[in-house]
Amino acid sequence: MPYTHQGQHYSIKKPVISIAVNKLKVVVKDQSGSQLFEFTDRNESKAFLTLLCQA
């Protein structure tokens, strides 16, 4: 499922197996593998997680 957050495009396939968060880095593991997303501040990472959980 493609997501657009603050002008950047992300592609995550359902089902999401796990999500790991460490400050400004988020690792999402889905059926196609793991993807690392890096953000510049905590508000961006929190907004991305909110967007991910709502879908």
PDB file of N, CA and C in Angstrom:
ATOM      1  N   MET A   1       0.839  -1.165   0.000  1.00  0.00           N
ATOM      2  CA  MET A   1       0.000   0.000   0.000  1.00  0.00           C
ATOM      3  C   MET A   1       0.893   1.240   0.000  1.00  0.00           C
ATOM      4  N   PRO A   2       0.738   2.097  -0.959  1.00  0.00           N
ATOM      5  CA  PRO A   2       1.578   3.305  -0.995  1.00  0.00           C
ATOM      6  C   PRO A   2       1.065   4.381  -0.041  1.00  0.00           C
ATOM      7  N   TYR A   3       1.986   5.014   0.644  1.00  0.00           N
ATOM      8  CA  TYR A   3       1.679   6.124   1.535  1.00  0.00           C
ATOM      9  C   TYR A   3       2.446   7.340   1.059  1.00  0.00           C
ATOM     10  N   THR A   4       1.845   8.508   1.233  1.00  0.00           N
ATOM     11  CA  THR A   4       2.542   9.759   0.979  1.00  0.00           C
ATOM     12  C   THR A   4       2.520  10.560   2.269  1.00  0.00           C
ATOM     13  N   HIS A   5       3.704  10.887   2.753  1.00  0.00           N
ATOM     14  CA  HIS A   5       3.817  11.650   3.992  1.00  0.00           C
ATOM     15  C   HIS A   5       4.829  12.755   3.784  1.00  0.00           C
ATOM     16  N   GLN A   6       4.373  13.997   3.882  1.00  0.00           N
ATOM     17  CA  GLN A   6       5.194  15.186   3.714  1.00  0.00           C
ATOM     18  C   GLN A   6       6.027  15.129   2.442  1.00  0.00           C
ATOM     19  N   GLY A   7       5.379  14.741   1.346  1.00  0.00           N
ATOM     20  CA  GLY A   7       6.012  14.754   0.041  1.00  0.00           C
ATOM     21  C   GLY A   7       6.842  13.526  -0.294  1.00  0.00           C
ATOM     22  N   GLN A   8       7.008  12.596   0.641  1.00  0.00           N
ATOM     23  CA  GLN A   8       7.778  11.388   0.374  1.00  0.00           C
ATOM     24  C   GLN A   8       6.825  10.216   0.216  1.00  0.00           C
ATOM     25  N   HIS A   9       7.160   9.310  -0.686  1.00  0.00           N
ATOM     26  CA  HIS A   9       6.315   8.166  -0.983  1.00  0.00           C
ATOM     27  C   HIS A   9       6.905   6.905  -0.356  1.00  0.00           C
ATOM     28  N   TYR A  10       6.045   6.157   0.304  1.00  0.00           N
ATOM     29  CA  TYR A  10       6.445   4.917   0.952  1.00  0.00           C
ATOM     30  C   TYR A  10       5.550   3.802   0.426  1.00  0.00           C
ATOM     31  N   SER A  11       6.088   2.617   0.266  1.00  0.00           N
ATOM     32  CA  SER A  11       5.310   1.476  -0.190  1.00  0.00           C
ATOM     33  C   SER A  11       5.452   0.351   0.825  1.00  0.00           C
ATOM     34  N   ILE A  12       4.343   0.064   1.503  1.00  0.00           N
ATOM     35  CA  ILE A  12       4.316  -0.990   2.509  1.00  0.00           C
ATOM     36  C   ILE A  12       3.183  -1.932   2.141  1.00  0.00           C
ATOM     37  N   LYS A  13       3.495  -3.221   2.112  1.00  0.00           N
ATOM     38  CA  LYS A  13       2.491  -4.211   1.744  1.00  0.00           C
ATOM     39  C   LYS A  13       1.876  -4.821   2.995  1.00  0.00           C
ATOM     40  N   LYS A  14       0.565  -5.011   2.943  1.00  0.00           N
ATOM     41  CA  LYS A  14      -0.124  -5.646   4.060  1.00  0.00           C
ATOM     42  C   LYS A  14       0.013  -7.140   3.942  1.00  0.00           C
ATOM     43  N   PRO A  15       0.041  -7.876   4.989  1.00  0.00           N
ATOM     44  CA  PRO A  15      -0.032  -7.433   6.384  1.00  0.00           C
ATOM     45  C   PRO A  15       1.332  -6.992   6.909  1.00  0.00           C
ATOM     46  N   VAL A  16       1.304  -6.042   7.816  1.00  0.00           N
ATOM     47  CA  VAL A  16       2.523  -5.607   8.492  1.00  0.00           C
ATOM     48  C   VAL A  16       2.803  -6.618   9.599  1.00  0.00           C
ATOM     49  N   ILE A  17       3.987  -7.174   9.584  1.00  0.00           N
ATOM     50  CA  ILE A  17       4.357  -8.205  10.557  1.00  0.00           C
ATOM     51  C   ILE A  17       4.843  -7.574  11.852  1.00  0.00           C
ATOM     52  N   SER A  18       5.698  -6.555  11.741  1.00  0.00           N
ATOM     53  CA  SER A  18       6.197  -5.891  12.943  1.00  0.00           C
ATOM     54  C   SER A  18       6.640  -4.472  12.626  1.00  0.00           C
ATOM     55  N   ILE A  19       6.664  -3.663  13.682  1.00  0.00           N
ATOM     56  CA  ILE A  19       7.141  -2.285  13.594  1.00  0.00           C
ATOM     57  C   ILE A  19       8.099  -2.074  14.758  1.00  0.00           C
ATOM     58  N   ALA A  20       9.296  -1.585  14.472  1.00  0.00           N
ATOM     59  CA  ALA A  20      10.282  -1.279  15.508  1.00  0.00           C
ATOM     60  C   ALA A  20      10.631   0.202  15.418  1.00  0.00           C
ATOM     61  N   VAL A  21      10.643   0.866  16.579  1.00  0.00           N
ATOM     62  CA  VAL A  21      10.901   2.304  16.615  1.00  0.00           C
ATOM     63  C   VAL A  21      12.080   2.572  17.531  1.00  0.00           C
ATOM     64  N   ASN A  22      13.028   3.384  17.064  1.00  0.00           N
ATOM     65  CA  ASN A  22      14.163   3.817  17.868  1.00  0.00           C
ATOM     66  C   ASN A  22      14.430   5.278  17.546  1.00  0.00           C
ATOM     67  N   LYS A  23      13.881   6.149  18.353  1.00  0.00           N
ATOM     68  CA  LYS A  23      13.997   7.598  18.219  1.00  0.00           C
ATOM     69  C   LYS A  23      13.516   8.058  16.845  1.00  0.00           C
ATOM     70  N   LEU A  24      14.416   8.309  15.907  1.00  0.00           N
ATOM     71  CA  LEU A  24      14.027   8.859  14.610  1.00  0.00           C
ATOM     72  C   LEU A  24      14.003   7.819  13.507  1.00  0.00           C
ATOM     73  N   LYS A  25      14.187   6.566  13.847  1.00  0.00           N
ATOM     74  CA  LYS A  25      14.212   5.494  12.845  1.00  0.00           C
ATOM     75  C   LYS A  25      13.048   4.542  13.096  1.00  0.00           C
ATOM     76  N   VAL A  26      12.390   4.149  12.016  1.00  0.00           N
ATOM     77  CA  VAL A  26      11.281   3.206  12.091  1.00  0.00           C
ATOM     78  C   VAL A  26      11.574   2.089  11.099  1.00  0.00           C
ATOM     79  N   VAL A  27      11.509   0.849  11.566  1.00  0.00           N
ATOM     80  CA  VAL A  27      11.686  -0.312  10.705  1.00  0.00           C
ATOM     81  C   VAL A  27      10.337  -1.015  10.624  1.00  0.00           C
ATOM     82  N   VAL A  28       9.847  -1.190   9.394  1.00  0.00           N
ATOM     83  CA  VAL A  28       8.575  -1.857   9.169  1.00  0.00           C
ATOM     84  C   VAL A  28       8.870  -3.150   8.424  1.00  0.00           C
ATOM     85  N   LYS A  29       8.429  -4.261   9.001  1.00  0.00           N
ATOM     86  CA  LYS A  29       8.600  -5.555   8.351  1.00  0.00           C
ATOM     87  C   LYS A  29       7.246  -5.990   7.812  1.00  0.00           C
ATOM     88  N   ASP A  30       7.192  -6.183   6.496  1.00  0.00           N
ATOM     89  CA  ASP A  30       5.967  -6.640   5.856  1.00  0.00           C
ATOM     90  C   ASP A  30       6.266  -7.912   5.072  1.00  0.00           C
ATOM     91  N   GLN A  31       5.343  -8.343   4.247  1.00  0.00           N
ATOM     92  CA  GLN A  31       5.531  -9.602   3.524  1.00  0.00           C
ATOM     93  C   GLN A  31       6.664  -9.555   2.512  1.00  0.00           C
ATOM     94  N   SER A  32       7.097  -8.365   2.102  1.00  0.00           N
ATOM     95  CA  SER A  32       8.189  -8.262   1.136  1.00  0.00           C
ATOM     96  C   SER A  32       9.554  -8.050   1.787  1.00  0.00           C
ATOM     97  N   GLY A  33       9.587  -7.898   3.118  1.00  0.00           N
ATOM     98  CA  GLY A  33      10.849  -7.714   3.821  1.00  0.00           C
ATOM     99  C   GLY A  33      10.816  -6.518   4.750  1.00  0.00           C
ATOM    100  N   SER A  34      11.976  -6.116   5.218  1.00  0.00           N
ATOM    101  CA  SER A  34      12.089  -4.992   6.148  1.00  0.00           C
ATOM    102  C   SER A  34      12.479  -3.720   5.413  1.00  0.00           C
ATOM    103  N   GLN A  35      11.930  -2.604   5.881  1.00  0.00           N
ATOM    104  CA  GLN A  35      12.257  -1.303   5.308  1.00  0.00           C
ATOM    105  C   GLN A  35      12.589  -0.343   6.450  1.00  0.00           C
ATOM    106  N   LEU A  36      13.652   0.418   6.285  1.00  0.00           N
ATOM    107  CA  LEU A  36      14.066   1.404   7.270  1.00  0.00           C
ATOM    108  C   LEU A  36      13.633   2.783   6.797  1.00  0.00           C
ATOM    109  N   PHE A  37      12.970   3.508   7.680  1.00  0.00           N
ATOM    110  CA  PHE A  37      12.558   4.881   7.408  1.00  0.00           C
ATOM    111  C   PHE A  37      13.229   5.771   8.442  1.00  0.00           C
ATOM    112  N   GLU A  38      13.924   6.809   7.973  1.00  0.00           N
ATOM    113  CA  GLU A  38      14.599   7.739   8.869  1.00  0.00           C
ATOM    114  C   GLU A  38      13.944   9.107   8.761  1.00  0.00           C
ATOM    115  N   PHE A  39      13.715   9.738   9.904  1.00  0.00           N
ATOM    116  CA  PHE A  39      13.054  11.031   9.945  1.00  0.00           C
ATOM    117  C   PHE A  39      13.968  12.051  10.607  1.00  0.00           C
ATOM    118  N   THR A  40      13.658  13.327  10.422  1.00  0.00           N
ATOM    119  CA  THR A  40      14.517  14.383  10.956  1.00  0.00           C
ATOM    120  C   THR A  40      14.103  14.835  12.344  1.00  0.00           C
ATOM    121  N   ASP A  41      12.846  14.609  12.738  1.00  0.00           N
ATOM    122  CA  ASP A  41      12.434  14.919  14.102  1.00  0.00           C
ATOM    123  C   ASP A  41      11.340  13.954  14.556  1.00  0.00           C
ATOM    124  N   ARG A  42      11.077  13.967  15.844  1.00  0.00           N
ATOM    125  CA  ARG A  42      10.135  13.010  16.419  1.00  0.00           C
ATOM    126  C   ARG A  42       8.711  13.215  15.926  1.00  0.00           C
ATOM    127  N   ASN A  43       8.343  14.445  15.659  1.00  0.00           N
ATOM    128  CA  ASN A  43       6.980  14.701  15.173  1.00  0.00           C
ATOM    129  C   ASN A  43       6.730  14.014  13.843  1.00  0.00           C
ATOM    130  N   GLU A  44       7.727  13.989  12.975  1.00  0.00           N
ATOM    131  CA  GLU A  44       7.578  13.298  11.690  1.00  0.00           C
ATOM    132  C   GLU A  44       7.423  11.802  11.885  1.00  0.00           C
ATOM    133  N   SER A  45       8.226  11.217  12.766  1.00  0.00           N
ATOM    134  CA  SER A  45       8.123   9.771  12.984  1.00  0.00           C
ATOM    135  C   SER A  45       6.791   9.412  13.628  1.00  0.00           C
ATOM    136  N   LYS A  46       6.307  10.227  14.555  1.00  0.00           N
ATOM    137  CA  LYS A  46       5.010   9.973  15.179  1.00  0.00           C
ATOM    138  C   LYS A  46       3.876  10.109  14.170  1.00  0.00           C
ATOM    139  N   ALA A  47       3.964  11.102  13.305  1.00  0.00           N
ATOM    140  CA  ALA A  47       2.930  11.285  12.278  1.00  0.00           C
ATOM    141  C   ALA A  47       2.924  10.104  11.308  1.00  0.00           C
ATOM    142  N   PHE A  48       4.098   9.592  10.965  1.00  0.00           N
ATOM    143  CA  PHE A  48       4.186   8.428  10.081  1.00  0.00           C
ATOM    144  C   PHE A  48       3.568   7.198  10.744  1.00  0.00           C
ATOM    145  N   LEU A  49       3.850   6.993  12.028  1.00  0.00           N
ATOM    146  CA  LEU A  49       3.274   5.856  12.732  1.00  0.00           C
ATOM    147  C   LEU A  49       1.758   5.967  12.834  1.00  0.00           C
ATOM    148  N   THR A  50       1.263   7.164  13.051  1.00  0.00           N
ATOM    149  CA  THR A  50      -0.176   7.382  13.083  1.00  0.00           C
ATOM    150  C   THR A  50      -0.797   7.062  11.742  1.00  0.00           C
ATOM    151  N   LEU A  51      -0.176   7.508  10.685  1.00  0.00           N
ATOM    152  CA  LEU A  51      -0.663   7.228   9.339  1.00  0.00           C
ATOM    153  C   LEU A  51      -0.650   5.729   9.062  1.00  0.00           C
ATOM    154  N   LEU A  52       0.387   5.064   9.482  1.00  0.00           N
ATOM    155  CA  LEU A  52       0.517   3.628   9.286  1.00  0.00           C
ATOM    156  C   LEU A  52      -0.546   2.856  10.054  1.00  0.00           C
ATOM    157  N   CYS A  53      -0.826   3.271  11.263  1.00  0.00           N
ATOM    158  CA  CYS A  53      -1.821   2.561  12.094  1.00  0.00           C
ATOM    159  C   CYS A  53      -3.255   2.797  11.619  1.00  0.00           C
ATOM    160  N   GLN A  54      -3.523   3.923  10.990  1.00  0.00           N
ATOM    161  CA  GLN A  54      -4.882   4.232  10.536  1.00  0.00           C
ATOM    162  C   GLN A  54      -5.256   3.448   9.287  1.00  0.00           C
ATOM    163  N   ALA A  55      -4.286   3.025   8.515  1.00  0.00           N
ATOM    164  CA  ALA A  55      -4.581   2.334   7.249  1.00  0.00           C
ATOM    165  C   ALA A  55      -4.967   0.905   7.464  1.00  0.00           C
TER     166      ALA A  55
END
